N, C-alpha and C. Protein backbone atom coordinates (compact mmCIF):
# COMPACT_ATOMS: atom_id res chain seq x y z
N MET A 1 93.12 86.87 41.91
CA MET A 1 92.96 85.44 41.93
C MET A 1 91.79 85.09 41.02
N GLU A 2 92.00 84.10 40.17
CA GLU A 2 90.93 83.69 39.24
C GLU A 2 89.80 83.00 39.98
N LYS A 3 88.64 82.99 39.34
CA LYS A 3 87.43 82.45 39.95
C LYS A 3 87.58 80.98 40.35
N GLN A 4 88.20 80.17 39.49
CA GLN A 4 88.34 78.74 39.78
C GLN A 4 89.20 78.51 41.02
N THR A 5 90.28 79.25 41.13
CA THR A 5 91.16 79.10 42.27
C THR A 5 90.49 79.61 43.54
N LYS A 6 89.79 80.72 43.42
CA LYS A 6 89.08 81.29 44.57
C LYS A 6 88.00 80.32 45.07
N THR A 7 87.32 79.67 44.14
CA THR A 7 86.28 78.70 44.52
C THR A 7 86.88 77.55 45.32
N THR A 8 88.05 77.09 44.93
CA THR A 8 88.70 76.01 45.66
C THR A 8 89.03 76.44 47.09
N TYR A 9 89.53 77.64 47.25
CA TYR A 9 89.83 78.15 48.60
C TYR A 9 88.56 78.32 49.42
N ILE A 10 87.49 78.78 48.80
CA ILE A 10 86.23 78.93 49.52
C ILE A 10 85.71 77.59 49.99
N LEU A 11 85.81 76.57 49.14
CA LEU A 11 85.31 75.24 49.52
C LEU A 11 86.10 74.65 50.68
N VAL A 12 87.41 74.79 50.68
CA VAL A 12 88.20 74.26 51.79
C VAL A 12 87.92 75.07 53.06
N GLY A 13 87.69 76.37 52.91
CA GLY A 13 87.35 77.19 54.06
C GLY A 13 86.00 76.82 54.66
N LEU A 14 85.02 76.58 53.80
CA LEU A 14 83.69 76.17 54.29
C LEU A 14 83.75 74.80 54.97
N SER A 15 84.55 73.91 54.43
CA SER A 15 84.71 72.60 55.08
C SER A 15 85.27 72.77 56.48
N ALA A 16 86.31 73.57 56.61
CA ALA A 16 86.92 73.79 57.93
C ALA A 16 85.94 74.49 58.88
N PHE A 17 85.20 75.45 58.36
CA PHE A 17 84.23 76.17 59.18
C PHE A 17 83.18 75.22 59.74
N PHE A 18 82.66 74.33 58.90
CA PHE A 18 81.62 73.42 59.37
C PHE A 18 82.18 72.32 60.27
N VAL A 19 83.45 71.98 60.13
CA VAL A 19 84.07 71.05 61.07
C VAL A 19 84.11 71.69 62.46
N ILE A 20 84.51 72.94 62.51
CA ILE A 20 84.57 73.65 63.79
C ILE A 20 83.17 73.81 64.37
N LEU A 21 82.22 74.18 63.53
CA LEU A 21 80.84 74.35 64.00
C LEU A 21 80.26 73.04 64.51
N HIS A 22 80.54 71.96 63.82
CA HIS A 22 80.07 70.63 64.25
C HIS A 22 80.64 70.29 65.63
N ASN A 23 81.93 70.55 65.81
CA ASN A 23 82.55 70.24 67.11
C ASN A 23 82.03 71.13 68.23
N VAL A 24 81.77 72.40 67.92
CA VAL A 24 81.23 73.30 68.94
C VAL A 24 79.84 72.84 69.37
N PHE A 25 79.00 72.49 68.42
CA PHE A 25 77.65 72.01 68.76
C PHE A 25 77.72 70.73 69.58
N TYR A 26 78.66 69.86 69.25
CA TYR A 26 78.77 68.62 70.02
C TYR A 26 79.20 68.92 71.46
N GLU A 27 80.14 69.83 71.62
CA GLU A 27 80.60 70.18 72.97
C GLU A 27 79.50 70.86 73.78
N LEU A 28 78.70 71.68 73.14
CA LEU A 28 77.65 72.40 73.87
C LEU A 28 76.47 71.51 74.24
N PHE A 29 76.03 70.68 73.30
CA PHE A 29 74.80 69.92 73.51
C PHE A 29 75.00 68.43 73.71
N LYS A 30 76.22 67.94 73.53
CA LYS A 30 76.56 66.52 73.72
C LYS A 30 75.70 65.57 72.90
N ILE A 31 75.28 66.02 71.72
CA ILE A 31 74.56 65.14 70.80
C ILE A 31 75.21 65.26 69.42
N GLU A 32 75.25 64.18 68.71
CA GLU A 32 75.75 64.19 67.33
C GLU A 32 74.60 64.60 66.42
N GLU A 33 74.85 65.63 65.64
CA GLU A 33 73.83 66.07 64.69
C GLU A 33 74.36 65.81 63.28
N ALA A 34 73.45 65.57 62.38
CA ALA A 34 73.84 65.16 61.03
C ALA A 34 73.95 66.31 60.04
N VAL A 35 73.34 67.43 60.34
CA VAL A 35 73.29 68.53 59.37
C VAL A 35 74.69 69.03 59.04
N PHE A 36 75.47 69.39 60.06
CA PHE A 36 76.80 69.91 59.80
C PHE A 36 77.72 68.83 59.23
N PHE A 37 77.52 67.60 59.67
CA PHE A 37 78.33 66.51 59.14
C PHE A 37 78.09 66.34 57.64
N ILE A 38 76.86 66.40 57.22
CA ILE A 38 76.54 66.29 55.79
C ILE A 38 77.12 67.47 55.02
N LEU A 39 77.05 68.67 55.59
CA LEU A 39 77.63 69.84 54.93
C LEU A 39 79.15 69.71 54.80
N ILE A 40 79.79 69.17 55.84
CA ILE A 40 81.23 68.92 55.77
C ILE A 40 81.53 67.98 54.63
N PHE A 41 80.78 66.90 54.54
CA PHE A 41 80.99 65.91 53.50
C PHE A 41 80.80 66.52 52.11
N ILE A 42 79.75 67.30 51.93
CA ILE A 42 79.47 67.92 50.63
C ILE A 42 80.58 68.88 50.23
N PHE A 43 81.00 69.75 51.14
CA PHE A 43 82.04 70.72 50.81
C PHE A 43 83.40 70.07 50.62
N ALA A 44 83.69 69.01 51.38
CA ALA A 44 84.97 68.31 51.22
C ALA A 44 85.04 67.61 49.86
N ILE A 45 83.97 66.95 49.46
CA ILE A 45 83.93 66.29 48.16
C ILE A 45 84.00 67.33 47.05
N SER A 46 83.29 68.45 47.22
CA SER A 46 83.33 69.52 46.22
C SER A 46 84.74 70.09 46.10
N PHE A 47 85.45 70.20 47.21
CA PHE A 47 86.82 70.67 47.20
C PHE A 47 87.71 69.75 46.38
N VAL A 48 87.59 68.45 46.60
CA VAL A 48 88.39 67.47 45.86
C VAL A 48 88.08 67.54 44.37
N VAL A 49 86.80 67.60 44.04
CA VAL A 49 86.39 67.69 42.63
C VAL A 49 86.93 68.98 42.02
N SER A 50 86.90 70.07 42.76
CA SER A 50 87.40 71.35 42.27
C SER A 50 88.90 71.29 41.98
N VAL A 51 89.65 70.67 42.86
CA VAL A 51 91.10 70.55 42.64
C VAL A 51 91.39 69.70 41.41
N ILE A 52 90.68 68.60 41.27
CA ILE A 52 90.89 67.72 40.11
C ILE A 52 90.50 68.45 38.83
N TYR A 53 89.37 69.14 38.85
CA TYR A 53 88.92 69.87 37.67
C TYR A 53 89.92 70.98 37.30
N ASN A 54 90.38 71.72 38.29
CA ASN A 54 91.34 72.79 38.02
C ASN A 54 92.64 72.24 37.44
N THR A 55 93.09 71.12 37.94
CA THR A 55 94.34 70.52 37.45
C THR A 55 94.18 70.04 36.01
N ILE A 56 93.10 69.36 35.73
CA ILE A 56 92.86 68.88 34.36
C ILE A 56 92.69 70.06 33.42
N SER A 57 91.96 71.07 33.85
CA SER A 57 91.76 72.26 33.03
C SER A 57 93.08 72.98 32.77
N TYR A 58 93.97 72.99 33.75
CA TYR A 58 95.27 73.63 33.58
C TYR A 58 96.11 72.91 32.52
N PHE A 59 96.09 71.58 32.58
CA PHE A 59 96.89 70.83 31.61
C PHE A 59 96.32 70.89 30.20
N LYS A 60 94.99 71.00 30.09
CA LYS A 60 94.36 71.04 28.76
C LYS A 60 94.33 72.44 28.16
N LYS A 61 93.97 73.45 28.96
CA LYS A 61 93.75 74.80 28.44
C LYS A 61 94.74 75.83 28.95
N GLY A 62 95.52 75.48 29.96
CA GLY A 62 96.44 76.44 30.54
C GLY A 62 95.78 77.41 31.51
N LYS A 63 94.55 77.11 31.90
CA LYS A 63 93.83 77.96 32.84
C LYS A 63 93.35 77.10 33.99
N PRO A 64 93.29 77.56 35.16
CA PRO A 64 93.61 78.89 35.65
C PRO A 64 95.12 79.11 35.72
N LYS A 65 95.54 80.29 35.35
CA LYS A 65 96.97 80.59 35.33
C LYS A 65 97.55 80.68 36.72
N ASP A 66 96.73 80.89 37.71
CA ASP A 66 97.23 80.97 39.09
C ASP A 66 96.99 79.67 39.86
N LEU A 67 97.02 78.55 39.17
CA LEU A 67 96.85 77.25 39.83
C LEU A 67 97.92 77.04 40.89
N TRP A 68 99.10 77.61 40.69
CA TRP A 68 100.19 77.45 41.64
C TRP A 68 99.81 77.94 43.03
N ARG A 69 98.83 78.84 43.13
CA ARG A 69 98.43 79.36 44.44
C ARG A 69 97.80 78.29 45.33
N LEU A 70 97.35 77.20 44.72
CA LEU A 70 96.82 76.10 45.54
C LEU A 70 97.93 75.46 46.36
N GLY A 71 99.17 75.73 46.03
CA GLY A 71 100.29 75.21 46.80
C GLY A 71 100.28 75.67 48.24
N PHE A 72 99.69 76.84 48.49
CA PHE A 72 99.62 77.34 49.87
C PHE A 72 98.74 76.46 50.75
N LEU A 73 97.87 75.64 50.15
CA LEU A 73 97.07 74.70 50.94
C LEU A 73 97.96 73.63 51.57
N GLY A 74 99.17 73.49 51.05
CA GLY A 74 100.12 72.55 51.64
C GLY A 74 100.47 72.90 53.07
N LEU A 75 100.32 74.15 53.43
CA LEU A 75 100.59 74.56 54.81
C LEU A 75 99.63 73.90 55.79
N LEU A 76 98.45 73.49 55.30
CA LEU A 76 97.52 72.76 56.17
C LEU A 76 98.11 71.43 56.62
N GLY A 77 99.07 70.93 55.86
CA GLY A 77 99.75 69.70 56.26
C GLY A 77 100.49 69.84 57.57
N LEU A 78 100.86 71.06 57.91
CA LEU A 78 101.51 71.28 59.20
C LEU A 78 100.59 70.97 60.36
N LEU A 79 99.28 71.06 60.14
CA LEU A 79 98.34 70.68 61.18
C LEU A 79 98.46 69.19 61.51
N GLY A 80 98.93 68.42 60.55
CA GLY A 80 99.15 67.00 60.79
C GLY A 80 100.24 66.76 61.80
N LEU A 81 101.18 67.67 61.88
CA LEU A 81 102.24 67.55 62.88
C LEU A 81 101.72 67.86 64.28
N VAL A 82 100.68 68.72 64.34
CA VAL A 82 100.19 69.18 65.63
C VAL A 82 98.91 68.44 66.05
N ALA A 83 97.95 68.31 65.15
CA ALA A 83 96.62 67.87 65.56
C ALA A 83 96.25 66.48 65.04
N THR A 84 96.09 66.35 63.74
CA THR A 84 95.51 65.14 63.17
C THR A 84 96.39 64.59 62.06
N PRO A 85 96.80 63.34 62.15
CA PRO A 85 97.64 62.77 61.09
C PRO A 85 96.99 62.79 59.71
N GLY A 86 95.68 62.90 59.62
CA GLY A 86 95.00 62.92 58.34
C GLY A 86 95.34 64.13 57.49
N PHE A 87 95.87 65.16 58.11
CA PHE A 87 96.21 66.37 57.37
C PHE A 87 97.55 66.26 56.64
N PHE A 88 98.31 65.19 56.87
CA PHE A 88 99.61 65.05 56.19
C PHE A 88 99.46 65.07 54.68
N GLY A 89 98.34 64.60 54.16
CA GLY A 89 98.12 64.57 52.72
C GLY A 89 98.14 65.94 52.08
N PHE A 90 97.90 66.97 52.85
CA PHE A 90 97.91 68.33 52.30
C PHE A 90 99.31 68.77 51.89
N PHE A 91 100.36 68.10 52.38
CA PHE A 91 101.70 68.45 51.95
C PHE A 91 101.86 68.29 50.44
N GLY A 92 101.05 67.42 49.84
CA GLY A 92 101.10 67.22 48.39
C GLY A 92 100.76 68.47 47.59
N PHE A 93 100.04 69.39 48.21
CA PHE A 93 99.69 70.63 47.51
C PHE A 93 100.90 71.51 47.24
N PHE A 94 102.00 71.28 47.94
CA PHE A 94 103.21 72.04 47.65
C PHE A 94 103.65 71.81 46.20
N GLY A 95 103.25 70.70 45.61
CA GLY A 95 103.59 70.40 44.22
C GLY A 95 103.00 71.40 43.24
N PHE A 96 101.92 72.07 43.62
CA PHE A 96 101.32 73.06 42.71
C PHE A 96 102.22 74.27 42.51
N PHE A 97 103.20 74.48 43.37
CA PHE A 97 104.13 75.58 43.15
C PHE A 97 104.93 75.37 41.87
N GLY A 98 105.02 74.12 41.41
CA GLY A 98 105.71 73.83 40.15
C GLY A 98 104.94 74.31 38.93
N ALA A 99 103.67 74.66 39.10
CA ALA A 99 102.86 75.16 37.97
C ALA A 99 103.05 76.65 37.76
N ARG A 100 103.87 77.25 38.59
CA ARG A 100 104.11 78.70 38.43
C ARG A 100 105.01 78.93 37.24
N SER A 101 104.58 79.84 36.37
CA SER A 101 105.37 80.07 35.17
C SER A 101 106.22 81.32 35.29
């Protein structure tokens, strides 16, 4: 997996990790803390910027060649069926499978 694609997966993973950590701290201590919330926001925005950058870079330079692997993030859209309707937008990542050559 190329570095750009791996970075995108790491950013979405860190966002999910800090969402879980934020919720665990809230359940344990019953107080809203800002540190994890800010980290969630930073990693989520970085994830979006990374996807946009990778897509533009793919159309201009043809790299990363494994951009199609971002299509697997579309599986997160299934969480929208179970947990949160906000995850439905992840189904759009299935479109990256069209970048497979």
